[in-house]
Amino acid sequence: KKEVNRIGYRNIEQYYLFIGREMSPQNIQKIYD
């Protein structure tokens, strides 16, 4: 979530996030949100 501030709101066409661990569906949803 803190990364959102670093990325800012630039004109991103495609964004991919790779996480080096397992995540629950609820936490993936939180990240997506």
PDB file of all heavy atoms in Angstrom:
ATOM      1  N   LYS A   1       0.834  -1.207   0.000  1.00  0.00           N
ATOM      2  CA  LYS A   1       0.000   0.000   0.000  1.00  0.00           C
ATOM      3  C   LYS A   1       0.868   1.258   0.000  1.00  0.00           C
ATOM      4  O   LYS A   1       0.535   2.245  -0.643  1.00  0.00           O
ATOM      5  CB  LYS A   1      -0.938   0.005   1.206  1.00  0.00           C
ATOM      6  CG  LYS A   1      -2.124  -0.914   1.044  1.00  0.00           C
ATOM      7  CD  LYS A   1      -3.021  -0.818   2.268  1.00  0.00           C
ATOM      8  CE  LYS A   1      -4.264  -1.656   2.120  1.00  0.00           C
ATOM      9  NZ  LYS A   1      -5.153  -1.528   3.293  1.00  0.00           N
ATOM     10  N   LYS A   2       1.990   1.223   0.714  1.00  0.00           N
ATOM     11  CA  LYS A   2       2.900   2.367   0.732  1.00  0.00           C
ATOM     12  C   LYS A   2       3.506   2.612  -0.648  1.00  0.00           C
ATOM     13  O   LYS A   2       3.851   3.742  -0.992  1.00  0.00           O
ATOM     14  CB  LYS A   2       4.016   2.152   1.757  1.00  0.00           C
ATOM     15  CG  LYS A   2       3.538   2.274   3.170  1.00  0.00           C
ATOM     16  CD  LYS A   2       4.671   2.043   4.150  1.00  0.00           C
ATOM     17  CE  LYS A   2       4.140   2.074   5.577  1.00  0.00           C
ATOM     18  NZ  LYS A   2       5.185   1.781   6.556  1.00  0.00           N
ATOM     19  N   GLU A   3       3.630   1.547  -1.436  1.00  0.00           N
ATOM     20  CA  GLU A   3       4.172   1.684  -2.789  1.00  0.00           C
ATOM     21  C   GLU A   3       3.279   2.560  -3.664  1.00  0.00           C
ATOM     22  O   GLU A   3       3.748   3.188  -4.605  1.00  0.00           O
ATOM     23  CB  GLU A   3       4.357   0.318  -3.453  1.00  0.00           C
ATOM     24  CG  GLU A   3       5.427  -0.527  -2.831  1.00  0.00           C
ATOM     25  CD  GLU A   3       6.816   0.051  -3.000  1.00  0.00           C
ATOM     26  OE1 GLU A   3       7.116   0.566  -4.098  1.00  0.00           O
ATOM     27  OE2 GLU A   3       7.592  -0.001  -2.041  1.00  0.00           O
ATOM     28  N   VAL A   4       1.979   2.587  -3.350  1.00  0.00           N
ATOM     29  CA  VAL A   4       1.046   3.410  -4.128  1.00  0.00           C
ATOM     30  C   VAL A   4       1.518   4.858  -4.126  1.00  0.00           C
ATOM     31  O   VAL A   4       1.499   5.534  -5.158  1.00  0.00           O
ATOM     32  CB  VAL A   4      -0.391   3.299  -3.562  1.00  0.00           C
ATOM     33  CG1 VAL A   4      -1.322   4.266  -4.259  1.00  0.00           C
ATOM     34  CG2 VAL A   4      -0.893   1.877  -3.696  1.00  0.00           C
ATOM     35  N   ASN A   5       1.979   5.328  -2.985  1.00  0.00           N
ATOM     36  CA  ASN A   5       2.456   6.708  -2.892  1.00  0.00           C
ATOM     37  C   ASN A   5       3.709   6.927  -3.722  1.00  0.00           C
ATOM     38  O   ASN A   5       3.903   8.004  -4.285  1.00  0.00           O
ATOM     39  CB  ASN A   5       2.727   7.078  -1.428  1.00  0.00           C
ATOM     40  CG  ASN A   5       1.465   7.078  -0.618  1.00  0.00           C
ATOM     41  OD1 ASN A   5       0.398   7.370  -1.128  1.00  0.00           O
ATOM     42  ND2 ASN A   5       1.569   6.724   0.645  1.00  0.00           N
ATOM     43  N   ARG A   6       4.559   5.922  -3.809  1.00  0.00           N
ATOM     44  CA  ARG A   6       5.787   6.052  -4.596  1.00  0.00           C
ATOM     45  C   ARG A   6       5.487   6.031  -6.091  1.00  0.00           C
ATOM     46  O   ARG A   6       6.133   6.715  -6.867  1.00  0.00           O
ATOM     47  CB  ARG A   6       6.753   4.920  -4.244  1.00  0.00           C
ATOM     48  CG  ARG A   6       7.288   5.054  -2.827  1.00  0.00           C
ATOM     49  CD  ARG A   6       8.245   3.947  -2.485  1.00  0.00           C
ATOM     50  NE  ARG A   6       9.432   4.046  -3.312  1.00  0.00           N
ATOM     51  CZ  ARG A   6      10.156   3.009  -3.693  1.00  0.00           C
ATOM     52  NH1 ARG A   6       9.824   1.791  -3.331  1.00  0.00           N
ATOM     53  NH2 ARG A   6      11.224   3.177  -4.436  1.00  0.00           N
ATOM     54  N   ILE A   7       4.522   5.225  -6.485  1.00  0.00           N
ATOM     55  CA  ILE A   7       4.163   5.134  -7.902  1.00  0.00           C
ATOM     56  C   ILE A   7       3.492   6.416  -8.353  1.00  0.00           C
ATOM     57  O   ILE A   7       3.695   6.894  -9.454  1.00  0.00           O
ATOM     58  CB  ILE A   7       3.207   3.948  -8.164  1.00  0.00           C
ATOM     59  CG1 ILE A   7       3.891   2.631  -7.831  1.00  0.00           C
ATOM     60  CG2 ILE A   7       2.738   3.935  -9.614  1.00  0.00           C
ATOM     61  CD1 ILE A   7       2.944   1.470  -7.776  1.00  0.00           C
ATOM     62  N   GLY A   8       2.670   6.976  -7.467  1.00  0.00           N
ATOM     63  CA  GLY A   8       1.933   8.178  -7.825  1.00  0.00           C
ATOM     64  C   GLY A   8       0.819   7.837  -8.796  1.00  0.00           C
ATOM     65  O   GLY A   8       0.432   6.693  -8.958  1.00  0.00           O
ATOM     66  N   TYR A   9       0.336   8.814  -9.450  1.00  0.00           N
ATOM     67  CA  TYR A   9      -0.772   8.611 -10.384  1.00  0.00           C
ATOM     68  C   TYR A   9      -0.334   8.962 -11.793  1.00  0.00           C
ATOM     69  O   TYR A   9      -0.970   9.721 -12.495  1.00  0.00           O
ATOM     70  CB  TYR A   9      -1.992   9.427  -9.931  1.00  0.00           C
ATOM     71  CG  TYR A   9      -2.535   8.896  -8.644  1.00  0.00           C
ATOM     72  CD1 TYR A   9      -2.213   9.476  -7.430  1.00  0.00           C
ATOM     73  CD2 TYR A   9      -3.329   7.756  -8.642  1.00  0.00           C
ATOM     74  CE1 TYR A   9      -2.689   8.946  -6.237  1.00  0.00           C
ATOM     75  CE2 TYR A   9      -3.810   7.221  -7.459  1.00  0.00           C
ATOM     76  CZ  TYR A   9      -3.483   7.814  -6.268  1.00  0.00           C
ATOM     77  OH  TYR A   9      -3.952   7.282  -5.095  1.00  0.00           O
ATOM     78  N   ARG A  10       0.782   8.375 -12.180  1.00  0.00           N
ATOM     79  CA  ARG A  10       1.265   8.587 -13.549  1.00  0.00           C
ATOM     80  C   ARG A  10       0.383   7.822 -14.530  1.00  0.00           C
ATOM     81  O   ARG A  10      -0.432   7.010 -14.125  1.00  0.00           O
ATOM     82  CB  ARG A  10       2.737   8.199 -13.660  1.00  0.00           C
ATOM     83  CG  ARG A  10       3.054   6.826 -13.136  1.00  0.00           C
ATOM     84  CD  ARG A  10       4.518   6.522 -13.223  1.00  0.00           C
ATOM     85  NE  ARG A  10       5.083   6.610 -11.883  1.00  0.00           N
ATOM     86  CZ  ARG A  10       6.344   6.687 -11.623  1.00  0.00           C
ATOM     87  NH1 ARG A  10       7.206   6.704 -12.571  1.00  0.00           N
ATOM     88  NH2 ARG A  10       6.775   6.755 -10.399  1.00  0.00           N
ATOM     89  N   ASN A  11       0.578   8.046 -15.768  1.00  0.00           N
ATOM     90  CA  ASN A  11      -0.233   7.436 -16.811  1.00  0.00           C
ATOM     91  C   ASN A  11       0.241   6.003 -17.080  1.00  0.00           C
ATOM     92  O   ASN A  11       0.930   5.747 -18.053  1.00  0.00           O
ATOM     93  CB  ASN A  11      -0.159   8.281 -18.085  1.00  0.00           C
ATOM     94  CG  ASN A  11      -1.097   7.770 -19.150  1.00  0.00           C
ATOM     95  OD1 ASN A  11      -2.081   7.111 -18.848  1.00  0.00           O
ATOM     96  ND2 ASN A  11      -0.782   8.063 -20.389  1.00  0.00           N
ATOM     97  N   ILE A  12      -0.139   5.088 -16.208  1.00  0.00           N
ATOM     98  CA  ILE A  12       0.292   3.693 -16.335  1.00  0.00           C
ATOM     99  C   ILE A  12      -0.702   2.946 -17.212  1.00  0.00           C
ATOM    100  O   ILE A  12      -1.902   2.941 -16.956  1.00  0.00           O
ATOM    101  CB  ILE A  12       0.405   3.038 -14.949  1.00  0.00           C
ATOM    102  CG1 ILE A  12       1.503   3.731 -14.152  1.00  0.00           C
ATOM    103  CG2 ILE A  12       0.679   1.543 -15.081  1.00  0.00           C
ATOM    104  CD1 ILE A  12       1.608   3.299 -12.723  1.00  0.00           C
ATOM    105  N   GLU A  13      -0.181   2.324 -18.263  1.00  0.00           N
ATOM    106  CA  GLU A  13      -1.025   1.536 -19.162  1.00  0.00           C
ATOM    107  C   GLU A  13      -1.209   0.116 -18.651  1.00  0.00           C
ATOM    108  O   GLU A  13      -2.304  -0.439 -18.725  1.00  0.00           O
ATOM    109  CB  GLU A  13      -0.411   1.500 -20.562  1.00  0.00           C
ATOM    110  CG  GLU A  13      -0.440   2.831 -21.261  1.00  0.00           C
ATOM    111  CD  GLU A  13       0.278   2.788 -22.596  1.00  0.00           C
ATOM    112  OE1 GLU A  13       0.387   1.710 -23.205  1.00  0.00           O
ATOM    113  OE2 GLU A  13       0.743   3.851 -23.034  1.00  0.00           O
ATOM    114  N   GLN A  14      -0.123  -0.490 -18.193  1.00  0.00           N
ATOM    115  CA  GLN A  14      -0.171  -1.850 -17.668  1.00  0.00           C
ATOM    116  C   GLN A  14       0.737  -1.921 -16.445  1.00  0.00           C
ATOM    117  O   GLN A  14       1.870  -1.457 -16.490  1.00  0.00           O
ATOM    118  CB  GLN A  14       0.294  -2.866 -18.711  1.00  0.00           C
ATOM    119  CG  GLN A  14      -0.604  -2.970 -19.913  1.00  0.00           C
ATOM    120  CD  GLN A  14      -0.028  -3.934 -20.937  1.00  0.00           C
ATOM    121  OE1 GLN A  14       0.351  -5.037 -20.611  1.00  0.00           O
ATOM    122  NE2 GLN A  14       0.047  -3.481 -22.173  1.00  0.00           N
ATOM    123  N   TYR A  15       0.217  -2.505 -15.372  1.00  0.00           N
ATOM    124  CA  TYR A  15       0.953  -2.606 -14.122  1.00  0.00           C
ATOM    125  C   TYR A  15       0.879  -4.058 -13.655  1.00  0.00           C
ATOM    126  O   TYR A  15      -0.203  -4.646 -13.638  1.00  0.00           O
ATOM    127  CB  TYR A  15       0.329  -1.669 -13.083  1.00  0.00           C
ATOM    128  CG  TYR A  15       0.962  -1.741 -11.728  1.00  0.00           C
ATOM    129  CD1 TYR A  15       2.119  -1.016 -11.448  1.00  0.00           C
ATOM    130  CD2 TYR A  15       0.416  -2.512 -10.721  1.00  0.00           C
ATOM    131  CE1 TYR A  15       2.710  -1.072 -10.192  1.00  0.00           C
ATOM    132  CE2 TYR A  15       0.990  -2.571  -9.470  1.00  0.00           C
ATOM    133  CZ  TYR A  15       2.137  -1.860  -9.214  1.00  0.00           C
ATOM    134  OH  TYR A  15       2.721  -1.919  -7.981  1.00  0.00           O
ATOM    135  N   TYR A  16       2.020  -4.611 -13.294  1.00  0.00           N
ATOM    136  CA  TYR A  16       2.110  -5.993 -12.845  1.00  0.00           C
ATOM    137  C   TYR A  16       2.795  -6.023 -11.488  1.00  0.00           C
ATOM    138  O   TYR A  16       3.817  -5.371 -11.286  1.00  0.00           O
ATOM    139  CB  TYR A  16       2.904  -6.841 -13.843  1.00  0.00           C
ATOM    140  CG  TYR A  16       2.236  -6.900 -15.189  1.00  0.00           C
ATOM    141  CD1 TYR A  16       2.453  -5.906 -16.138  1.00  0.00           C
ATOM    142  CD2 TYR A  16       1.347  -7.928 -15.499  1.00  0.00           C
ATOM    143  CE1 TYR A  16       1.818  -5.941 -17.366  1.00  0.00           C
ATOM    144  CE2 TYR A  16       0.707  -7.956 -16.727  1.00  0.00           C
ATOM    145  CZ  TYR A  16       0.954  -6.962 -17.651  1.00  0.00           C
ATOM    146  OH  TYR A  16       0.316  -6.996 -18.863  1.00  0.00           O
ATOM    147  N   LEU A  17       2.229  -6.781 -10.564  1.00  0.00           N
ATOM    148  CA  LEU A  17       2.775  -6.894  -9.220  1.00  0.00           C
ATOM    149  C   LEU A  17       3.106  -8.358  -8.948  1.00  0.00           C
ATOM    150  O   LEU A  17       2.239  -9.230  -9.052  1.00  0.00           O
ATOM    151  CB  LEU A  17       1.760  -6.380  -8.193  1.00  0.00           C
ATOM    152  CG  LEU A  17       2.134  -6.515  -6.731  1.00  0.00           C
ATOM    153  CD1 LEU A  17       3.398  -5.703  -6.406  1.00  0.00           C
ATOM    154  CD2 LEU A  17       0.970  -6.072  -5.844  1.00  0.00           C
ATOM    155  N   PHE A  18       4.363  -8.620  -8.606  1.00  0.00           N
ATOM    156  CA  PHE A  18       4.833  -9.963  -8.267  1.00  0.00           C
ATOM    157  C   PHE A  18       5.181  -9.976  -6.783  1.00  0.00           C
ATOM    158  O   PHE A  18       5.977  -9.156  -6.329  1.00  0.00           O
ATOM    159  CB  PHE A  18       6.073 -10.320  -9.088  1.00  0.00           C
ATOM    160  CG  PHE A  18       5.808 -10.380 -10.558  1.00  0.00           C
ATOM    161  CD1 PHE A  18       5.923  -9.249 -11.342  1.00  0.00           C
ATOM    162  CD2 PHE A  18       5.426 -11.571 -11.160  1.00  0.00           C
ATOM    163  CE1 PHE A  18       5.678  -9.295 -12.713  1.00  0.00           C
ATOM    164  CE2 PHE A  18       5.170 -11.626 -12.522  1.00  0.00           C
ATOM    165  CZ  PHE A  18       5.303 -10.497 -13.301  1.00  0.00           C
ATOM    166  N   ILE A  19       4.566 -10.899  -6.046  1.00  0.00           N
ATOM    167  CA  ILE A  19       4.774 -10.982  -4.599  1.00  0.00           C
ATOM    168  C   ILE A  19       5.438 -12.314  -4.282  1.00  0.00           C
ATOM    169  O   ILE A  19       4.895 -13.374  -4.606  1.00  0.00           O
ATOM    170  CB  ILE A  19       3.441 -10.848  -3.835  1.00  0.00           C
ATOM    171  CG1 ILE A  19       2.702  -9.571  -4.258  1.00  0.00           C
ATOM    172  CG2 ILE A  19       3.687 -10.880  -2.332  1.00  0.00           C
ATOM    173  CD1 ILE A  19       1.278  -9.493  -3.755  1.00  0.00           C
ATOM    174  N   GLY A  20       6.571 -12.249  -3.626  1.00  0.00           N
ATOM    175  CA  GLY A  20       7.344 -13.458  -3.325  1.00  0.00           C
ATOM    176  C   GLY A  20       6.865 -14.197  -2.101  1.00  0.00           C
ATOM    177  O   GLY A  20       7.665 -14.557  -1.240  1.00  0.00           O
ATOM    178  N   ARG A  21       5.582 -14.409  -1.992  1.00  0.00           N
ATOM    179  CA  ARG A  21       4.993 -15.196  -0.909  1.00  0.00           C
ATOM    180  C   ARG A  21       3.540 -15.511  -1.262  1.00  0.00           C
ATOM    181  O   ARG A  21       2.982 -14.937  -2.191  1.00  0.00           O
ATOM    182  CB  ARG A  21       5.076 -14.473   0.431  1.00  0.00           C
ATOM    183  CG  ARG A  21       4.309 -13.169   0.483  1.00  0.00           C
ATOM    184  CD  ARG A  21       3.909 -12.734   1.898  1.00  0.00           C
ATOM    185  NE  ARG A  21       3.013 -13.720   2.447  1.00  0.00           N
ATOM    186  CZ  ARG A  21       3.170 -14.336   3.633  1.00  0.00           C
ATOM    187  NH1 ARG A  21       4.155 -14.039   4.412  1.00  0.00           N
ATOM    188  NH2 ARG A  21       2.306 -15.235   4.053  1.00  0.00           N
ATOM    189  N   GLU A  22       2.928 -16.413  -0.519  1.00  0.00           N
ATOM    190  CA  GLU A  22       1.509 -16.697  -0.685  1.00  0.00           C
ATOM    191  C   GLU A  22       0.694 -15.601  -0.025  1.00  0.00           C
ATOM    192  O   GLU A  22       1.139 -14.988   0.958  1.00  0.00           O
ATOM    193  CB  GLU A  22       1.149 -18.041  -0.029  1.00  0.00           C
ATOM    194  CG  GLU A  22       1.426 -19.244  -0.906  1.00  0.00           C
ATOM    195  CD  GLU A  22       0.595 -19.232  -2.168  1.00  0.00           C
ATOM    196  OE1 GLU A  22      -0.580 -18.825  -2.152  1.00  0.00           O
ATOM    197  OE2 GLU A  22       1.147 -19.641  -3.194  1.00  0.00           O
ATOM    198  N   MET A  23      -0.481 -15.354  -0.558  1.00  0.00           N
ATOM    199  CA  MET A  23      -1.382 -14.358   0.013  1.00  0.00           C
ATOM    200  C   MET A  23      -2.802 -14.925   0.000  1.00  0.00           C
ATOM    201  O   MET A  23      -3.177 -15.653  -0.923  1.00  0.00           O
ATOM    202  CB  MET A  23      -1.355 -13.065  -0.806  1.00  0.00           C
ATOM    203  CG  MET A  23      -0.018 -12.358  -0.867  1.00  0.00           C
ATOM    204  SD  MET A  23       0.596 -11.752   0.703  1.00  0.00           S
ATOM    205  CE  MET A  23      -0.541 -10.410   1.036  1.00  0.00           C
ATOM    206  N   SER A  24      -3.587 -14.562   1.005  1.00  0.00           N
ATOM    207  CA  SER A  24      -4.986 -14.990   1.046  1.00  0.00           C
ATOM    208  C   SER A  24      -5.783 -14.194   0.019  1.00  0.00           C
ATOM    209  O   SER A  24      -5.382 -13.088  -0.366  1.00  0.00           O
ATOM    210  CB  SER A  24      -5.565 -14.751   2.440  1.00  0.00           C
ATOM    211  OG  SER A  24      -5.708 -13.363   2.675  1.00  0.00           O
ATOM    212  N   PRO A  25      -6.923 -14.732  -0.406  1.00  0.00           N
ATOM    213  CA  PRO A  25      -7.778 -13.974  -1.333  1.00  0.00           C
ATOM    214  C   PRO A  25      -8.187 -12.612  -0.769  1.00  0.00           C
ATOM    215  O   PRO A  25      -8.255 -11.629  -1.499  1.00  0.00           O
ATOM    216  CB  PRO A  25      -9.005 -14.880  -1.516  1.00  0.00           C
ATOM    217  CG  PRO A  25      -8.512 -16.248  -1.216  1.00  0.00           C
ATOM    218  CD  PRO A  25      -7.453 -16.077  -0.155  1.00  0.00           C
ATOM    219  N   GLN A  26      -8.414 -12.536   0.548  1.00  0.00           N
ATOM    220  CA  GLN A  26      -8.805 -11.272   1.170  1.00  0.00           C
ATOM    221  C   GLN A  26      -7.679 -10.248   1.079  1.00  0.00           C
ATOM    222  O   GLN A  26      -7.925  -9.069   0.814  1.00  0.00           O
ATOM    223  CB  GLN A  26      -9.175 -11.493   2.647  1.00  0.00           C
ATOM    224  CG  GLN A  26     -10.383 -12.377   2.848  1.00  0.00           C
ATOM    225  CD  GLN A  26     -10.039 -13.881   2.833  1.00  0.00           C
ATOM    226  OE1 GLN A  26      -8.893 -14.290   2.697  1.00  0.00           O
ATOM    227  NE2 GLN A  26     -11.062 -14.698   2.947  1.00  0.00           N
ATOM    228  N   ASN A  27      -6.442 -10.690   1.293  1.00  0.00           N
ATOM    229  CA  ASN A  27      -5.315  -9.762   1.223  1.00  0.00           C
ATOM    230  C   ASN A  27      -5.004  -9.351  -0.212  1.00  0.00           C
ATOM    231  O   ASN A  27      -4.608  -8.217  -0.455  1.00  0.00           O
ATOM    232  CB  ASN A  27      -4.089 -10.354   1.919  1.00  0.00           C
ATOM    233  CG  ASN A  27      -4.209 -10.252   3.425  1.00  0.00           C
ATOM    234  OD1 ASN A  27      -4.750  -9.291   3.945  1.00  0.00           O
ATOM    235  ND2 ASN A  27      -3.724 -11.250   4.138  1.00  0.00           N
ATOM    236  N   ILE A  28      -5.199 -10.254  -1.151  1.00  0.00           N
ATOM    237  CA  ILE A  28      -5.041  -9.883  -2.560  1.00  0.00           C
ATOM    238  C   ILE A  28      -6.074  -8.813  -2.918  1.00  0.00           C
ATOM    239  O   ILE A  28      -5.759  -7.844  -3.603  1.00  0.00           O
ATOM    240  CB  ILE A  28      -5.158 -11.112  -3.482  1.00  0.00           C
ATOM    241  CG1 ILE A  28      -3.922 -12.001  -3.304  1.00  0.00           C
ATOM    242  CG2 ILE A  28      -5.311 -10.696  -4.946  1.00  0.00           C
ATOM    243  CD1 ILE A  28      -3.996 -13.324  -4.010  1.00  0.00           C
ATOM    244  N   GLN A  29      -7.287  -8.966  -2.410  1.00  0.00           N
ATOM    245  CA  GLN A  29      -8.328  -7.963  -2.666  1.00  0.00           C
ATOM    246  C   GLN A  29      -7.946  -6.617  -2.061  1.00  0.00           C
ATOM    247  O   GLN A  29      -8.136  -5.576  -2.682  1.00  0.00           O
ATOM    248  CB  GLN A  29      -9.682  -8.438  -2.119  1.00  0.00           C
ATOM    249  CG  GLN A  29     -10.834  -7.509  -2.452  1.00  0.00           C
ATOM    250  CD  GLN A  29     -11.093  -7.407  -3.946  1.00  0.00           C
ATOM    251  OE1 GLN A  29     -11.157  -8.417  -4.646  1.00  0.00           O
ATOM    252  NE2 GLN A  29     -11.228  -6.195  -4.460  1.00  0.00           N
ATOM    253  N   LYS A  30      -7.383  -6.624  -0.852  1.00  0.00           N
ATOM    254  CA  LYS A  30      -6.948  -5.372  -0.221  1.00  0.00           C
ATOM    255  C   LYS A  30      -5.877  -4.680  -1.063  1.00  0.00           C
ATOM    256  O   LYS A  30      -5.900  -3.459  -1.241  1.00  0.00           O
ATOM    257  CB  LYS A  30      -6.394  -5.642   1.180  1.00  0.00           C
ATOM    258  CG  LYS A  30      -7.439  -5.976   2.198  1.00  0.00           C
ATOM    259  CD  LYS A  30      -6.783  -6.288   3.541  1.00  0.00           C
ATOM    260  CE  LYS A  30      -7.799  -6.785   4.544  1.00  0.00           C
ATOM    261  NZ  LYS A  30      -7.158  -7.173   5.824  1.00  0.00           N
ATOM    262  N   ILE A  31      -4.947  -5.470  -1.572  1.00  0.00           N
ATOM    263  CA  ILE A  31      -3.891  -4.911  -2.424  1.00  0.00           C
ATOM    264  C   ILE A  31      -4.511  -4.336  -3.693  1.00  0.00           C
ATOM    265  O   ILE A  31      -4.214  -3.213  -4.094  1.00  0.00           O
ATOM    266  CB  ILE A  31      -2.833  -5.980  -2.758  1.00  0.00           C
ATOM    267  CG1 ILE A  31      -2.047  -6.346  -1.496  1.00  0.00           C
ATOM    268  CG2 ILE A  31      -1.898  -5.501  -3.863  1.00  0.00           C
ATOM    269  CD1 ILE A  31      -1.205  -7.603  -1.640  1.00  0.00           C
ATOM    270  N   TYR A  32      -5.381  -5.105  -4.315  1.00  0.00           N
ATOM    271  CA  TYR A  32      -6.036  -4.649  -5.537  1.00  0.00           C
ATOM    272  C   TYR A  32      -6.806  -3.347  -5.292  1.00  0.00           C
ATOM    273  O   TYR A  32      -6.702  -2.402  -6.069  1.00  0.00           O
ATOM    274  CB  TYR A  32      -6.967  -5.737  -6.068  1.00  0.00           C
ATOM    275  CG  TYR A  32      -7.736  -5.312  -7.294  1.00  0.00           C
ATOM    276  CD1 TYR A  32      -7.076  -5.111  -8.506  1.00  0.00           C
ATOM    277  CD2 TYR A  32      -9.099  -5.097  -7.240  1.00  0.00           C
ATOM    278  CE1 TYR A  32      -7.774  -4.703  -9.636  1.00  0.00           C
ATOM    279  CE2 TYR A  32      -9.803  -4.697  -8.365  1.00  0.00           C
ATOM    280  CZ  TYR A  32      -9.135  -4.500  -9.552  1.00  0.00           C
ATOM    281  OH  TYR A  32      -9.823  -4.094 -10.663  1.00  0.00           O
ATOM    282  N   ASP A  33      -7.547  -3.304  -4.188  1.00  0.00           N
ATOM    283  CA  ASP A  33      -8.324  -2.103  -3.869  1.00  0.00           C
ATOM    284  C   ASP A  33      -7.415  -0.879  -3.723  1.00  0.00           C
ATOM    285  O   ASP A  33      -7.767   0.215  -4.153  1.00  0.00           O
ATOM    286  CB  ASP A  33      -9.139  -2.302  -2.589  1.00  0.00           C
ATOM    287  CG  ASP A  33     -10.278  -3.295  -2.769  1.00  0.00           C
ATOM    288  OD1 ASP A  33     -10.637  -3.614  -3.925  1.00  0.00           O
ATOM    289  OD2 ASP A  33     -10.801  -3.769  -1.742  1.00  0.00           O
TER     290      ASP A  33
END
